[in-house]
Amino acid sequence: QVQLQESGPGLVKPSQTLSVTCTASGGSITAYGGYLNWIRQPPGKGLEWIGVIYSTGSTYYSPSLKGRADISRDTSKPQLTLTLHSVIPEDTAVYYCALVRQGRIEVWGQGALVTVSS
């Protein structure tokens, strides 16, 4: 059973860059056509999809982030990193990585709270 673990900086100042890492263990992410998504949940709000990276390395992002997001991977670890540039207080959220297989989310990480504040 794949397990996902996020880690992040906790606190980031406005206009800086936020990086959250997702480390997978216990199995293959790409087995059964799996791929990883980043999702976040601001305090008191619903879930917001950020982006996805497929086994091919192709990435797609939510237009709402206006080009500020970047997802990269280190297949030797295996590790996934979300980078969000020019952060604003509205980027404060719990950031999750999630494994999708056969069209549904099978595994969630526990989430990493990142607060954007000066």
Protein backbone atom coordinates (compact mmCIF):
# COMPACT_ATOMS: atom_id res chain seq x y z
CA GLN A 1 0.00 0.00 0.00
CA VAL A 2 1.45 3.32 -1.09
CA GLN A 3 1.83 5.95 1.60
CA LEU A 4 2.37 9.64 0.98
CA GLN A 5 4.06 12.10 3.32
CA GLU A 6 4.16 15.85 2.77
CA SER A 7 6.67 18.21 4.31
CA GLY A 8 6.75 21.97 4.06
CA PRO A 9 8.23 25.14 5.54
CA GLY A 10 5.34 25.96 7.87
CA LEU A 11 5.62 29.72 7.41
CA VAL A 12 6.47 31.73 4.29
CA LYS A 13 6.51 35.49 3.82
CA PRO A 14 4.47 37.15 1.08
CA SER A 15 6.21 37.41 -2.31
CA GLN A 16 8.55 34.54 -1.45
CA THR A 17 8.55 31.00 -2.84
CA LEU A 18 6.80 28.09 -1.17
CA SER A 19 8.01 24.51 -1.66
CA VAL A 20 6.21 21.45 -0.38
CA THR A 21 7.60 17.96 -0.85
CA CYS A 22 5.68 14.70 -1.11
CA THR A 23 7.56 11.46 -0.46
CA ALA A 24 6.06 8.15 -1.47
CA SER A 25 6.75 4.79 0.13
CA GLY A 26 5.35 1.29 0.22
CA GLY A 27 4.82 0.73 -3.46
CA SER A 28 4.91 2.08 -6.99
CA ILE A 29 3.10 5.32 -7.72
CA THR A 30 2.81 4.52 -11.41
CA ALA A 31 1.45 0.99 -10.97
CA TYR A 32 -2.06 0.58 -12.41
CA GLY A 33 -1.70 3.88 -14.23
CA GLY A 34 -1.32 5.95 -11.09
CA TYR A 35 -0.36 9.59 -11.02
CA LEU A 36 0.00 12.30 -8.40
CA ASN A 37 -1.98 15.44 -7.82
CA TRP A 38 -1.48 18.42 -5.56
CA ILE A 39 -4.58 19.71 -3.79
CA ARG A 40 -4.91 22.34 -1.11
CA GLN A 41 -7.52 23.44 1.40
CA PRO A 42 -7.48 26.99 2.76
CA PRO A 43 -8.74 27.45 6.32
CA GLY A 44 -12.53 27.21 6.41
CA LYS A 45 -12.80 26.55 2.66
CA GLY A 46 -13.14 23.63 0.32
CA LEU A 47 -10.56 21.63 -1.56
CA GLU A 48 -8.80 23.28 -4.48
CA TRP A 49 -6.98 21.34 -7.18
CA ILE A 50 -3.52 22.74 -7.92
CA GLY A 51 -2.03 20.46 -10.55
CA VAL A 52 -1.00 17.01 -11.68
CA ILE A 53 2.09 15.20 -12.89
CA TYR A 54 1.78 12.04 -14.96
CA SER A 55 4.21 9.16 -15.24
CA THR A 56 5.43 10.66 -18.50
CA GLY A 57 6.46 13.81 -16.65
CA SER A 58 3.73 15.90 -18.23
CA THR A 59 2.23 18.48 -15.90
CA TYR A 60 -0.99 20.47 -15.88
CA TYR A 61 -2.00 23.26 -13.54
CA SER A 62 -5.07 25.09 -12.39
CA PRO A 63 -5.47 28.34 -14.35
CA SER A 64 -6.43 30.06 -11.10
CA LEU A 65 -2.80 29.98 -10.01
CA LYS A 66 -1.83 32.11 -13.00
CA GLY A 67 1.40 30.32 -13.82
CA ARG A 68 2.83 30.51 -10.29
CA ALA A 69 2.89 26.74 -9.68
CA ASP A 70 5.48 24.21 -10.74
CA ILE A 71 5.50 20.46 -10.04
CA SER A 72 8.72 18.51 -10.34
CA ARG A 73 9.79 15.01 -9.41
CA ASP A 74 12.88 13.14 -8.34
CA THR A 75 12.36 9.58 -9.51
CA SER A 76 15.46 8.37 -7.67
CA LYS A 77 13.86 9.03 -4.29
CA PRO A 78 10.78 8.93 -5.19
CA GLN A 79 9.76 12.45 -4.36
CA LEU A 80 7.50 15.12 -5.75
CA THR A 81 7.84 18.83 -5.13
CA LEU A 82 5.30 21.60 -5.48
CA THR A 83 6.79 25.06 -5.88
CA LEU A 84 4.57 28.11 -5.69
CA HIS A 85 6.11 31.45 -6.58
CA SER A 86 5.19 34.96 -5.42
CA VAL A 87 2.95 33.71 -2.64
CA ILE A 88 0.17 35.80 -1.15
CA PRO A 89 -1.74 35.36 2.13
CA GLU A 90 -4.53 33.62 0.20
CA ASP A 91 -2.08 30.78 -0.49
CA THR A 92 -2.31 29.83 3.18
CA ALA A 93 -3.63 26.27 3.19
CA VAL A 94 -3.07 22.65 4.01
CA TYR A 95 -1.28 21.20 1.00
CA TYR A 96 -1.95 17.57 0.08
CA CYS A 97 -0.50 15.20 -2.44
CA ALA A 98 -2.90 12.54 -3.64
CA LEU A 99 -2.48 9.38 -5.69
CA VAL A 100 -5.07 8.81 -8.38
CA ARG A 101 -5.67 5.43 -9.93
CA GLN A 102 -8.44 4.41 -12.27
CA GLY A 103 -10.06 7.79 -12.02
CA ARG A 104 -10.30 8.14 -8.29
CA ILE A 105 -8.13 9.26 -5.40
CA GLU A 106 -6.82 6.14 -3.68
CA VAL A 107 -4.31 7.62 -1.28
CA TRP A 108 -4.02 10.98 0.47
CA GLY A 109 -1.04 12.30 2.34
CA GLN A 110 -1.63 13.71 5.81
CA GLY A 111 -1.17 17.26 4.55
CA ALA A 112 1.25 20.08 5.31
CA LEU A 113 0.01 23.39 6.66
CA VAL A 114 1.72 26.38 5.09
CA THR A 115 0.96 29.86 6.34
CA VAL A 116 1.79 32.93 4.27
CA SER A 117 2.30 35.86 6.58
CA SER A 118 4.76 38.63 7.26
